Amino acid sequence: MFETALQGWLVAISLILAIGAQNAFVLRQGLRREHVAWVVAVCATSDAILIAAGVTGFSAASKALPWLGDAMRWGGVAFLVAYGALRFRAAWQGGASLAPGAGPAASLKSVIGTCLVLTWANPHVYLDTVAMIGSISAQYAPHQTAFGIGAALGSFSFFSALGFGARLLAPIFANPRAWVVLEIVIGCTMWAIAAGLAFGG
């Protein structure tokens, strides 16, 4: 059971390790130290729900609703393009306004809303959690539950490390130019993912 849970943990870490829309947002909030606990909780809980859905075979919904994939894909493209544009705008305005403690902080409602959209409107999240983890868990029958629990714990530990560990980079981001670079990188990441969704599917 423990070895199965450990495998689930390792699979989840390997799937979400690459920078994406969700990870970039968690990193940004961690650097700004804005509602980090809420962001980590929302991301980890969302992943846990999706992992549970994949492990229990809910991925069959895509077969029952053929239009669901395209709807999620184009909705994700639209949001990622818009969010990326906002990040480029923030970089254009200068990094000084992004430093922790400078300027008005984003509201909790706004942060959670953005976090939920970046998670639930991102088809890659469904591919990683519902499809990939769900299919891999079948190899560990009859201990799929242990595998799913391990994967959910992997997601929680990763987002906790990313969100709360981001403050260790604070000395680097004391320089406003570093924030400009970060915003540009995040903007490019969002648009690259959007392009991949639009032209890769």
N, C-alpha and C. Protein backbone atom coordinates (compact mmCIF):
# COMPACT_ATOMS: atom_id res chain seq x y z
N MET A 1 0.83 -1.21 0.00
CA MET A 1 0.00 0.00 0.00
C MET A 1 0.87 1.27 0.00
N PHE A 2 1.90 1.27 0.89
CA PHE A 2 2.76 2.45 0.96
C PHE A 2 3.52 2.65 -0.35
N GLU A 3 4.02 1.54 -0.91
CA GLU A 3 4.76 1.65 -2.16
C GLU A 3 3.86 2.15 -3.29
N THR A 4 2.60 1.73 -3.28
CA THR A 4 1.66 2.20 -4.30
C THR A 4 1.39 3.69 -4.14
N ALA A 5 1.21 4.13 -2.88
CA ALA A 5 0.99 5.55 -2.61
C ALA A 5 2.21 6.37 -3.02
N LEU A 6 3.41 5.81 -2.77
CA LEU A 6 4.64 6.51 -3.15
C LEU A 6 4.73 6.66 -4.66
N GLN A 7 4.33 5.63 -5.39
CA GLN A 7 4.32 5.71 -6.84
C GLN A 7 3.36 6.80 -7.32
N GLY A 8 2.20 6.88 -6.67
CA GLY A 8 1.24 7.94 -7.00
C GLY A 8 1.83 9.31 -6.75
N TRP A 9 2.55 9.46 -5.64
CA TRP A 9 3.19 10.74 -5.29
C TRP A 9 4.21 11.12 -6.37
N LEU A 10 5.04 10.16 -6.77
CA LEU A 10 6.08 10.43 -7.76
C LEU A 10 5.48 10.77 -9.13
N VAL A 11 4.42 10.07 -9.51
CA VAL A 11 3.77 10.35 -10.79
C VAL A 11 3.20 11.76 -10.80
N ALA A 12 2.52 12.15 -9.72
CA ALA A 12 1.92 13.49 -9.65
C ALA A 12 2.99 14.56 -9.72
N ILE A 13 4.08 14.39 -8.98
CA ILE A 13 5.17 15.37 -9.00
C ILE A 13 5.74 15.51 -10.41
N SER A 14 5.96 14.39 -11.07
CA SER A 14 6.57 14.44 -12.40
C SER A 14 5.65 15.11 -13.42
N LEU A 15 4.35 14.96 -13.26
CA LEU A 15 3.41 15.54 -14.22
C LEU A 15 3.25 17.05 -14.05
N ILE A 16 3.31 17.54 -12.80
CA ILE A 16 3.05 18.96 -12.57
C ILE A 16 4.32 19.77 -12.39
N LEU A 17 5.49 19.10 -12.51
CA LEU A 17 6.75 19.81 -12.26
C LEU A 17 7.03 20.88 -13.30
N ALA A 18 6.69 20.61 -14.56
CA ALA A 18 6.95 21.58 -15.62
C ALA A 18 6.12 22.85 -15.40
N ILE A 19 6.72 24.00 -15.71
CA ILE A 19 6.01 25.26 -15.50
C ILE A 19 4.82 25.34 -16.44
N GLY A 20 3.71 25.77 -15.92
CA GLY A 20 2.50 25.94 -16.71
C GLY A 20 1.73 27.12 -16.16
N ALA A 21 0.52 27.30 -16.63
CA ALA A 21 -0.28 28.44 -16.21
C ALA A 21 -0.51 28.43 -14.71
N GLN A 22 -0.88 27.27 -14.19
CA GLN A 22 -1.18 27.15 -12.77
C GLN A 22 0.08 27.38 -11.92
N ASN A 23 1.17 26.72 -12.29
CA ASN A 23 2.41 26.86 -11.52
C ASN A 23 2.95 28.28 -11.54
N ALA A 24 2.87 28.93 -12.70
CA ALA A 24 3.35 30.30 -12.81
C ALA A 24 2.56 31.23 -11.89
N PHE A 25 1.25 31.00 -11.81
CA PHE A 25 0.43 31.84 -10.95
C PHE A 25 0.76 31.61 -9.47
N VAL A 26 0.95 30.35 -9.08
CA VAL A 26 1.32 30.05 -7.69
C VAL A 26 2.64 30.69 -7.34
N LEU A 27 3.61 30.62 -8.27
CA LEU A 27 4.92 31.23 -8.04
C LEU A 27 4.79 32.74 -7.87
N ARG A 28 4.01 33.36 -8.72
CA ARG A 28 3.84 34.81 -8.65
C ARG A 28 3.21 35.23 -7.32
N GLN A 29 2.18 34.51 -6.91
CA GLN A 29 1.53 34.85 -5.64
C GLN A 29 2.46 34.59 -4.46
N GLY A 30 3.27 33.55 -4.57
CA GLY A 30 4.22 33.28 -3.50
C GLY A 30 5.25 34.38 -3.37
N LEU A 31 5.72 34.89 -4.51
CA LEU A 31 6.69 35.98 -4.49
C LEU A 31 6.08 37.26 -3.93
N ARG A 32 4.81 37.50 -4.25
CA ARG A 32 4.12 38.69 -3.74
C ARG A 32 3.60 38.49 -2.31
N ARG A 33 3.59 37.21 -1.87
CA ARG A 33 3.10 36.86 -0.53
C ARG A 33 1.65 37.28 -0.35
N GLU A 34 0.86 37.06 -1.38
CA GLU A 34 -0.56 37.41 -1.36
C GLU A 34 -1.42 36.15 -1.33
N HIS A 35 -2.12 35.92 -0.24
CA HIS A 35 -3.09 34.84 -0.12
C HIS A 35 -2.49 33.49 -0.53
N VAL A 36 -1.23 33.26 -0.15
CA VAL A 36 -0.52 32.06 -0.60
C VAL A 36 -1.21 30.78 -0.11
N ALA A 37 -1.62 30.76 1.17
CA ALA A 37 -2.26 29.57 1.72
C ALA A 37 -3.53 29.23 0.95
N TRP A 38 -4.30 30.25 0.59
CA TRP A 38 -5.53 30.03 -0.17
C TRP A 38 -5.23 29.49 -1.56
N VAL A 39 -4.22 30.05 -2.21
CA VAL A 39 -3.85 29.60 -3.55
C VAL A 39 -3.40 28.14 -3.53
N VAL A 40 -2.56 27.80 -2.56
CA VAL A 40 -2.09 26.42 -2.42
C VAL A 40 -3.27 25.49 -2.16
N ALA A 41 -4.17 25.91 -1.27
CA ALA A 41 -5.32 25.07 -0.92
C ALA A 41 -6.24 24.85 -2.12
N VAL A 42 -6.49 25.92 -2.88
CA VAL A 42 -7.38 25.80 -4.04
C VAL A 42 -6.76 24.88 -5.09
N CYS A 43 -5.49 25.07 -5.39
CA CYS A 43 -4.83 24.25 -6.41
C CYS A 43 -4.77 22.78 -5.98
N ALA A 44 -4.36 22.54 -4.75
CA ALA A 44 -4.21 21.16 -4.28
C ALA A 44 -5.57 20.47 -4.17
N THR A 45 -6.59 21.19 -3.67
CA THR A 45 -7.91 20.60 -3.55
C THR A 45 -8.51 20.30 -4.92
N SER A 46 -8.33 21.23 -5.86
CA SER A 46 -8.82 21.01 -7.22
C SER A 46 -8.16 19.78 -7.84
N ASP A 47 -6.84 19.67 -7.68
CA ASP A 47 -6.15 18.50 -8.20
C ASP A 47 -6.65 17.22 -7.56
N ALA A 48 -6.88 17.26 -6.24
CA ALA A 48 -7.36 16.07 -5.53
C ALA A 48 -8.71 15.62 -6.07
N ILE A 49 -9.59 16.58 -6.35
CA ILE A 49 -10.91 16.26 -6.90
C ILE A 49 -10.77 15.62 -8.28
N LEU A 50 -9.91 16.21 -9.12
CA LEU A 50 -9.71 15.70 -10.48
C LEU A 50 -9.02 14.34 -10.47
N ILE A 51 -8.07 14.16 -9.56
CA ILE A 51 -7.40 12.87 -9.44
C ILE A 51 -8.39 11.79 -9.02
N ALA A 52 -9.25 12.14 -8.04
CA ALA A 52 -10.27 11.19 -7.60
C ALA A 52 -11.20 10.82 -8.75
N ALA A 53 -11.54 11.83 -9.58
CA ALA A 53 -12.40 11.58 -10.73
C ALA A 53 -11.72 10.63 -11.72
N GLY A 54 -10.42 10.85 -11.93
CA GLY A 54 -9.70 9.99 -12.86
C GLY A 54 -9.58 8.57 -12.34
N VAL A 55 -9.27 8.43 -11.05
CA VAL A 55 -9.09 7.11 -10.45
C VAL A 55 -10.40 6.32 -10.46
N THR A 56 -11.52 7.01 -10.29
CA THR A 56 -12.81 6.33 -10.26
C THR A 56 -13.42 6.17 -11.65
N GLY A 57 -12.69 6.58 -12.68
CA GLY A 57 -13.15 6.34 -14.03
C GLY A 57 -14.06 7.40 -14.61
N PHE A 58 -14.05 8.59 -14.05
CA PHE A 58 -14.94 9.65 -14.54
C PHE A 58 -14.52 10.18 -15.91
N SER A 59 -13.32 9.80 -16.34
CA SER A 59 -12.84 10.28 -17.64
C SER A 59 -13.75 9.82 -18.78
N ALA A 60 -14.62 8.85 -18.51
CA ALA A 60 -15.56 8.39 -19.54
C ALA A 60 -16.53 9.49 -19.95
N ALA A 61 -16.60 10.58 -19.14
CA ALA A 61 -17.51 11.68 -19.47
C ALA A 61 -17.16 12.31 -20.81
N SER A 62 -15.90 12.32 -21.15
CA SER A 62 -15.50 12.92 -22.43
C SER A 62 -16.04 12.12 -23.61
N LYS A 63 -16.24 10.82 -23.41
CA LYS A 63 -16.81 10.00 -24.47
C LYS A 63 -18.33 10.22 -24.56
N ALA A 64 -18.94 10.44 -23.41
CA ALA A 64 -20.39 10.65 -23.39
C ALA A 64 -20.76 12.04 -23.92
N LEU A 65 -19.84 13.01 -23.76
CA LEU A 65 -20.08 14.38 -24.22
C LEU A 65 -18.98 14.77 -25.21
N PRO A 66 -19.13 14.44 -26.47
CA PRO A 66 -18.07 14.67 -27.46
C PRO A 66 -17.66 16.14 -27.59
N TRP A 67 -18.58 17.06 -27.29
CA TRP A 67 -18.28 18.48 -27.44
C TRP A 67 -17.48 19.04 -26.27
N LEU A 68 -17.37 18.28 -25.18
CA LEU A 68 -16.75 18.80 -23.96
C LEU A 68 -15.29 19.17 -24.18
N GLY A 69 -14.56 18.34 -24.93
CA GLY A 69 -13.14 18.61 -25.16
C GLY A 69 -12.91 19.92 -25.88
N ASP A 70 -13.66 20.16 -26.96
CA ASP A 70 -13.48 21.40 -27.72
C ASP A 70 -13.90 22.62 -26.91
N ALA A 71 -14.96 22.50 -26.14
CA ALA A 71 -15.42 23.62 -25.32
C ALA A 71 -14.36 24.00 -24.30
N MET A 72 -13.78 23.01 -23.64
CA MET A 72 -12.73 23.28 -22.66
C MET A 72 -11.50 23.86 -23.32
N ARG A 73 -11.16 23.31 -24.50
CA ARG A 73 -9.95 23.76 -25.19
C ARG A 73 -10.03 25.23 -25.57
N TRP A 74 -11.11 25.65 -26.24
CA TRP A 74 -11.21 27.03 -26.71
C TRP A 74 -11.48 28.01 -25.57
N GLY A 75 -12.17 27.54 -24.54
CA GLY A 75 -12.33 28.39 -23.35
C GLY A 75 -10.99 28.65 -22.69
N GLY A 76 -10.16 27.60 -22.62
CA GLY A 76 -8.83 27.76 -22.05
C GLY A 76 -7.95 28.67 -22.88
N VAL A 77 -8.05 28.55 -24.21
CA VAL A 77 -7.26 29.42 -25.10
C VAL A 77 -7.61 30.88 -24.87
N ALA A 78 -8.92 31.18 -24.83
CA ALA A 78 -9.36 32.57 -24.64
C ALA A 78 -8.85 33.14 -23.33
N PHE A 79 -8.95 32.36 -22.25
CA PHE A 79 -8.52 32.87 -20.95
C PHE A 79 -7.01 33.06 -20.90
N LEU A 80 -6.25 32.09 -21.41
CA LEU A 80 -4.79 32.18 -21.37
C LEU A 80 -4.27 33.35 -22.17
N VAL A 81 -4.89 33.63 -23.32
CA VAL A 81 -4.49 34.78 -24.13
C VAL A 81 -4.73 36.08 -23.36
N ALA A 82 -5.90 36.18 -22.73
CA ALA A 82 -6.24 37.39 -21.97
C ALA A 82 -5.33 37.56 -20.76
N TYR A 83 -5.10 36.47 -20.02
CA TYR A 83 -4.27 36.56 -18.83
C TYR A 83 -2.82 36.88 -19.20
N GLY A 84 -2.34 36.27 -20.30
CA GLY A 84 -0.99 36.58 -20.75
C GLY A 84 -0.84 38.04 -21.12
N ALA A 85 -1.86 38.61 -21.77
CA ALA A 85 -1.83 40.02 -22.13
C ALA A 85 -1.75 40.91 -20.89
N LEU A 86 -2.44 40.52 -19.84
CA LEU A 86 -2.38 41.28 -18.59
C LEU A 86 -0.98 41.25 -17.99
N ARG A 87 -0.31 40.12 -18.12
CA ARG A 87 1.05 40.02 -17.59
C ARG A 87 2.02 40.88 -18.40
N PHE A 88 1.85 40.93 -19.73
CA PHE A 88 2.69 41.81 -20.55
C PHE A 88 2.42 43.27 -20.20
N ARG A 89 1.17 43.58 -19.93
CA ARG A 89 0.83 44.95 -19.55
C ARG A 89 1.50 45.33 -18.24
N ALA A 90 1.49 44.39 -17.28
CA ALA A 90 2.13 44.65 -15.99
C ALA A 90 3.63 44.87 -16.17
N ALA A 91 4.26 44.09 -17.06
CA ALA A 91 5.69 44.26 -17.32
C ALA A 91 5.95 45.61 -17.97
N TRP A 92 5.08 46.03 -18.88
CA TRP A 92 5.24 47.32 -19.55
C TRP A 92 5.14 48.48 -18.56
N GLN A 93 4.31 48.31 -17.55
CA GLN A 93 4.13 49.37 -16.56
C GLN A 93 5.29 49.46 -15.60
N GLY A 94 6.14 48.45 -15.58
CA GLY A 94 7.34 48.50 -14.75
C GLY A 94 7.23 47.59 -13.55
N GLY A 95 8.36 47.03 -13.16
CA GLY A 95 8.37 46.06 -12.07
C GLY A 95 8.18 46.65 -10.70
N ALA A 96 8.43 47.94 -10.53
CA ALA A 96 8.34 48.52 -9.19
C ALA A 96 6.96 48.35 -8.59
N SER A 97 5.93 48.40 -9.44
CA SER A 97 4.56 48.29 -8.93
C SER A 97 4.21 46.86 -8.54
N LEU A 98 5.09 45.91 -8.85
CA LEU A 98 4.81 44.52 -8.56
C LEU A 98 5.48 44.04 -7.29
N ALA A 99 6.38 44.82 -6.74
CA ALA A 99 7.12 44.37 -5.57
C ALA A 99 6.18 44.14 -4.40
N PRO A 100 6.46 43.13 -3.54
CA PRO A 100 5.62 42.88 -2.39
C PRO A 100 5.49 44.12 -1.51
N GLY A 101 4.30 44.43 -1.14
CA GLY A 101 4.06 45.57 -0.27
C GLY A 101 3.85 46.86 -1.01
N ALA A 102 4.10 46.87 -2.32
CA ALA A 102 3.93 48.08 -3.11
C ALA A 102 2.63 48.01 -3.86
N GLY A 103 1.85 49.10 -3.79
CA GLY A 103 0.59 49.13 -4.52
C GLY A 103 -0.48 48.32 -3.83
N PRO A 104 -1.70 48.42 -4.30
CA PRO A 104 -2.81 47.70 -3.68
C PRO A 104 -2.70 46.20 -3.94
N ALA A 105 -2.95 45.42 -2.90
CA ALA A 105 -2.92 43.97 -3.03
C ALA A 105 -4.19 43.49 -3.71
N ALA A 106 -4.07 42.40 -4.45
CA ALA A 106 -5.24 41.82 -5.10
C ALA A 106 -6.16 41.25 -4.03
N SER A 107 -7.46 41.36 -4.26
CA SER A 107 -8.42 40.86 -3.29
C SER A 107 -8.40 39.34 -3.28
N LEU A 108 -8.80 38.77 -2.16
CA LEU A 108 -8.86 37.32 -2.03
C LEU A 108 -9.81 36.73 -3.07
N LYS A 109 -10.94 37.39 -3.28
CA LYS A 109 -11.92 36.91 -4.26
C LYS A 109 -11.32 36.87 -5.65
N SER A 110 -10.58 37.91 -6.01
CA SER A 110 -9.96 37.97 -7.33
C SER A 110 -8.90 36.89 -7.51
N VAL A 111 -8.09 36.70 -6.47
CA VAL A 111 -7.02 35.70 -6.54
C VAL A 111 -7.61 34.29 -6.66
N ILE A 112 -8.61 33.98 -5.85
CA ILE A 112 -9.22 32.65 -5.90
C ILE A 112 -9.91 32.44 -7.24
N GLY A 113 -10.58 33.48 -7.75
CA GLY A 113 -11.24 33.37 -9.05
C GLY A 113 -10.26 33.05 -10.16
N THR A 114 -9.14 33.78 -10.18
CA THR A 114 -8.11 33.52 -11.20
C THR A 114 -7.54 32.12 -11.05
N CYS A 115 -7.30 31.72 -9.81
CA CYS A 115 -6.74 30.40 -9.54
C CYS A 115 -7.68 29.29 -10.02
N LEU A 116 -8.97 29.46 -9.77
CA LEU A 116 -9.95 28.46 -10.20
C LEU A 116 -10.03 28.35 -11.71
N VAL A 117 -10.00 29.50 -12.39
CA VAL A 117 -10.07 29.48 -13.85
C VAL A 117 -8.81 28.86 -14.45
N LEU A 118 -7.64 29.24 -13.92
CA LEU A 118 -6.39 28.68 -14.42
C LEU A 118 -6.33 27.17 -14.23
N THR A 119 -7.05 26.68 -13.22
CA THR A 119 -7.07 25.24 -12.95
C THR A 119 -8.13 24.53 -13.78
N TRP A 120 -9.38 24.97 -13.65
CA TRP A 120 -10.50 24.23 -14.22
C TRP A 120 -10.74 24.53 -15.70
N ALA A 121 -10.19 25.62 -16.22
CA ALA A 121 -10.36 25.93 -17.65
C ALA A 121 -9.14 25.51 -18.47
N ASN A 122 -8.23 24.81 -17.83
CA ASN A 122 -7.00 24.40 -18.49
C ASN A 122 -7.08 22.91 -18.86
N PRO A 123 -7.25 22.60 -20.15
CA PRO A 123 -7.36 21.19 -20.56
C PRO A 123 -6.17 20.34 -20.16
N HIS A 124 -4.97 20.96 -20.04
CA HIS A 124 -3.79 20.20 -19.65
C HIS A 124 -3.96 19.59 -18.26
N VAL A 125 -4.68 20.31 -17.38
CA VAL A 125 -4.91 19.79 -16.03
C VAL A 125 -5.71 18.50 -16.10
N TYR A 126 -6.71 18.48 -16.97
CA TYR A 126 -7.54 17.28 -17.11
C TYR A 126 -6.73 16.12 -17.70
N LEU A 127 -5.87 16.44 -18.65
CA LEU A 127 -5.04 15.40 -19.25
C LEU A 127 -4.11 14.78 -18.22
N ASP A 128 -3.51 15.64 -17.37
CA ASP A 128 -2.55 15.15 -16.38
C ASP A 128 -3.23 14.39 -15.24
N THR A 129 -4.35 14.92 -14.74
CA THR A 129 -4.98 14.34 -13.56
C THR A 129 -6.00 13.26 -13.91
N VAL A 130 -7.03 13.65 -14.66
CA VAL A 130 -8.11 12.71 -14.96
C VAL A 130 -7.64 11.60 -15.90
N ALA A 131 -7.07 11.98 -17.04
CA ALA A 131 -6.69 10.99 -18.04
C ALA A 131 -5.43 10.21 -17.66
N MET A 132 -4.32 10.93 -17.43
CA MET A 132 -3.04 10.26 -17.21
C MET A 132 -3.01 9.50 -15.89
N ILE A 133 -3.26 10.21 -14.78
CA ILE A 133 -3.22 9.56 -13.47
C ILE A 133 -4.30 8.50 -13.37
N GLY A 134 -5.47 8.79 -13.95
CA GLY A 134 -6.55 7.80 -13.93
C GLY A 134 -6.15 6.52 -14.63
N SER A 135 -5.51 6.63 -15.79
CA SER A 135 -5.12 5.43 -16.54
C SER A 135 -3.98 4.69 -15.85
N ILE A 136 -3.02 5.43 -15.29
CA ILE A 136 -1.90 4.80 -14.60
C ILE A 136 -2.37 4.07 -13.35
N SER A 137 -3.35 4.65 -12.65
CA SER A 137 -3.84 4.03 -11.41
C SER A 137 -4.42 2.64 -11.66
N ALA A 138 -4.95 2.42 -12.88
CA ALA A 138 -5.54 1.12 -13.20
C ALA A 138 -4.50 0.00 -13.13
N GLN A 139 -3.23 0.36 -13.29
CA GLN A 139 -2.17 -0.65 -13.24
C GLN A 139 -1.91 -1.14 -11.82
N TYR A 140 -2.44 -0.42 -10.84
CA TYR A 140 -2.19 -0.76 -9.45
C TYR A 140 -3.41 -1.38 -8.77
N ALA A 141 -4.35 -1.87 -9.58
CA ALA A 141 -5.53 -2.54 -9.04
C ALA A 141 -5.08 -3.73 -8.17
N PRO A 142 -5.73 -3.94 -7.02
CA PRO A 142 -6.94 -3.24 -6.52
C PRO A 142 -6.61 -2.10 -5.56
N HIS A 143 -5.43 -1.49 -5.70
CA HIS A 143 -5.01 -0.44 -4.76
C HIS A 143 -5.02 0.94 -5.42
N GLN A 144 -5.99 1.17 -6.30
CA GLN A 144 -6.08 2.47 -6.98
C GLN A 144 -6.28 3.61 -5.99
N THR A 145 -7.02 3.34 -4.91
CA THR A 145 -7.28 4.40 -3.92
C THR A 145 -5.98 4.88 -3.29
N ALA A 146 -5.10 3.95 -2.93
CA ALA A 146 -3.82 4.32 -2.34
C ALA A 146 -2.99 5.12 -3.33
N PHE A 147 -3.03 4.72 -4.59
CA PHE A 147 -2.30 5.45 -5.63
C PHE A 147 -2.85 6.87 -5.75
N GLY A 148 -4.19 7.00 -5.75
CA GLY A 148 -4.82 8.32 -5.85
C GLY A 148 -4.50 9.20 -4.67
N ILE A 149 -4.48 8.64 -3.47
CA ILE A 149 -4.15 9.41 -2.27
C ILE A 149 -2.70 9.91 -2.36
N GLY A 150 -1.81 9.03 -2.80
CA GLY A 150 -0.41 9.43 -2.97
C GLY A 150 -0.26 10.54 -3.99
N ALA A 151 -1.01 10.45 -5.09
CA ALA A 151 -0.94 11.49 -6.12
C ALA A 151 -1.46 12.81 -5.60
N ALA A 152 -2.55 12.77 -4.83
CA ALA A 152 -3.11 14.00 -4.26
C ALA A 152 -2.13 14.63 -3.28
N LEU A 153 -1.46 13.80 -2.48
CA LEU A 153 -0.45 14.32 -1.54
C LEU A 153 0.74 14.90 -2.30
N GLY A 154 1.07 14.30 -3.46
CA GLY A 154 2.15 14.84 -4.28
C GLY A 154 1.82 16.24 -4.77
N SER A 155 0.58 16.42 -5.20
CA SER A 155 0.13 17.73 -5.66
C SER A 155 0.19 18.75 -4.53
N PHE A 156 -0.29 18.36 -3.35
CA PHE A 156 -0.29 19.28 -2.21
C PHE A 156 1.13 19.67 -1.81
N SER A 157 2.03 18.69 -1.76
CA SER A 157 3.40 18.99 -1.35
C SER A 157 4.11 19.88 -2.38
N PHE A 158 3.82 19.65 -3.67
CA PHE A 158 4.46 20.47 -4.70
C PHE A 158 3.99 21.92 -4.61
N PHE A 159 2.68 22.13 -4.55
CA PHE A 159 2.17 23.50 -4.52
C PHE A 159 2.57 24.22 -3.23
N SER A 160 2.65 23.48 -2.12
CA SER A 160 3.10 24.09 -0.86
C SER A 160 4.55 24.55 -0.99
N ALA A 161 5.39 23.69 -1.56
CA ALA A 161 6.80 24.06 -1.73
C ALA A 161 6.95 25.24 -2.67
N LEU A 162 6.17 25.24 -3.75
CA LEU A 162 6.27 26.32 -4.74
C LEU A 162 5.76 27.64 -4.17
N GLY A 163 4.61 27.60 -3.51
CA GLY A 163 4.00 28.83 -2.98
C GLY A 163 4.77 29.43 -1.82
N PHE A 164 5.06 28.59 -0.81
CA PHE A 164 5.72 29.09 0.39
C PHE A 164 7.23 29.18 0.22
N GLY A 165 7.79 28.40 -0.71
CA GLY A 165 9.23 28.45 -0.94
C GLY A 165 9.64 29.61 -1.82
N ALA A 166 8.67 30.22 -2.51
CA ALA A 166 8.99 31.32 -3.41
C ALA A 166 9.64 32.49 -2.68
N ARG A 167 9.34 32.63 -1.39
CA ARG A 167 9.91 33.77 -0.64
C ARG A 167 11.42 33.68 -0.53
N LEU A 168 11.98 32.48 -0.71
CA LEU A 168 13.43 32.34 -0.68
C LEU A 168 14.08 33.07 -1.84
N LEU A 169 13.27 33.35 -2.88
CA LEU A 169 13.77 34.09 -4.04
C LEU A 169 13.61 35.59 -3.87
N ALA A 170 13.10 36.00 -2.71
CA ALA A 170 12.82 37.42 -2.47
C ALA A 170 14.02 38.33 -2.72
N PRO A 171 15.24 37.95 -2.30
CA PRO A 171 16.39 38.84 -2.57
C PRO A 171 16.57 39.13 -4.06
N ILE A 172 16.31 38.14 -4.90
CA ILE A 172 16.44 38.35 -6.34
C ILE A 172 15.38 39.32 -6.83
N PHE A 173 14.16 39.14 -6.32
CA PHE A 173 13.04 39.95 -6.81
C PHE A 173 12.90 41.27 -6.06
N ALA A 174 13.92 41.61 -5.25
CA ALA A 174 13.97 42.96 -4.68
C ALA A 174 14.27 43.96 -5.79
N ASN A 175 14.84 43.48 -6.87
CA ASN A 175 15.12 44.31 -8.04
C ASN A 175 13.88 44.35 -8.94
N PRO A 176 13.31 45.54 -9.16
CA PRO A 176 12.09 45.64 -9.99
C PRO A 176 12.26 45.02 -11.37
N ARG A 177 13.47 45.02 -11.92
CA ARG A 177 13.67 44.44 -13.25
C ARG A 177 13.40 42.93 -13.24
N ALA A 178 13.66 42.29 -12.10
CA ALA A 178 13.41 40.86 -12.01
C ALA A 178 11.92 40.58 -12.14
N TRP A 179 11.09 41.47 -11.59
CA TRP A 179 9.63 41.31 -11.72
C TRP A 179 9.19 41.49 -13.17
N VAL A 180 9.83 42.42 -13.86
CA VAL A 180 9.49 42.62 -15.28
C VAL A 180 9.80 41.34 -16.06
N VAL A 181 10.97 40.76 -15.80
CA VAL A 181 11.36 39.52 -16.49
C VAL A 181 10.37 38.41 -16.16
N LEU A 182 10.00 38.29 -14.88
CA LEU A 182 9.05 37.25 -14.47
C LEU A 182 7.72 37.41 -15.18
N GLU A 183 7.22 38.64 -15.25
CA GLU A 183 5.93 38.87 -15.90
C GLU A 183 6.00 38.53 -17.38
N ILE A 184 7.11 38.86 -18.02
CA ILE A 184 7.29 38.54 -19.44
C ILE A 184 7.34 37.02 -19.63
N VAL A 185 8.06 36.33 -18.75
CA VAL A 185 8.15 34.87 -18.84
C VAL A 185 6.78 34.24 -18.65
N ILE A 186 6.02 34.73 -17.66
CA ILE A 186 4.68 34.19 -17.43
C ILE A 186 3.78 34.47 -18.63
N GLY A 187 3.86 35.69 -19.16
CA GLY A 187 3.05 36.04 -20.33
C GLY A 187 3.38 35.14 -21.51
N CYS A 188 4.66 34.92 -21.76
CA CYS A 188 5.08 34.04 -22.86
C CYS A 188 4.61 32.61 -22.62
N THR A 189 4.67 32.17 -21.36
CA THR A 189 4.22 30.82 -21.02
C THR A 189 2.73 30.66 -21.31
N MET A 190 1.94 31.64 -20.89
CA MET A 190 0.49 31.59 -21.11
C MET A 190 0.18 31.54 -22.61
N TRP A 191 0.84 32.38 -23.39
CA TRP A 191 0.57 32.43 -24.83
C TRP A 191 1.08 31.17 -25.53
N ALA A 192 2.19 30.62 -25.05
CA ALA A 192 2.70 29.38 -25.65
C ALA A 192 1.74 28.23 -25.41
N ILE A 193 1.19 28.16 -24.20
CA ILE A 193 0.22 27.11 -23.88
C ILE A 193 -1.04 27.31 -24.71
N ALA A 194 -1.48 28.57 -24.83
CA ALA A 194 -2.68 28.88 -25.64
C ALA A 194 -2.46 28.46 -27.09
N ALA A 195 -1.27 28.75 -27.64
CA ALA A 195 -0.97 28.37 -29.02
C ALA A 195 -0.95 26.87 -29.18
N GLY A 196 -0.40 26.18 -28.18
CA GLY A 196 -0.38 24.73 -28.24
C GLY A 196 -1.78 24.13 -28.23
N LEU A 197 -2.66 24.73 -27.43
CA LEU A 197 -4.04 24.26 -27.37
C LEU A 197 -4.77 24.55 -28.68
N ALA A 198 -4.52 25.74 -29.23
CA ALA A 198 -5.26 26.17 -30.43
C ALA A 198 -4.81 25.41 -31.68
N PHE A 199 -3.51 25.18 -31.81
CA PHE A 199 -3.00 24.59 -33.05
C PHE A 199 -2.54 23.15 -32.90
N GLY A 200 -2.49 22.69 -31.66
CA GLY A 200 -2.01 21.31 -31.46
C GLY A 200 -3.13 20.30 -31.35
N GLY A 201 -4.38 20.80 -31.25
CA GLY A 201 -5.49 19.86 -31.11
C GLY A 201 -6.40 19.93 -32.27
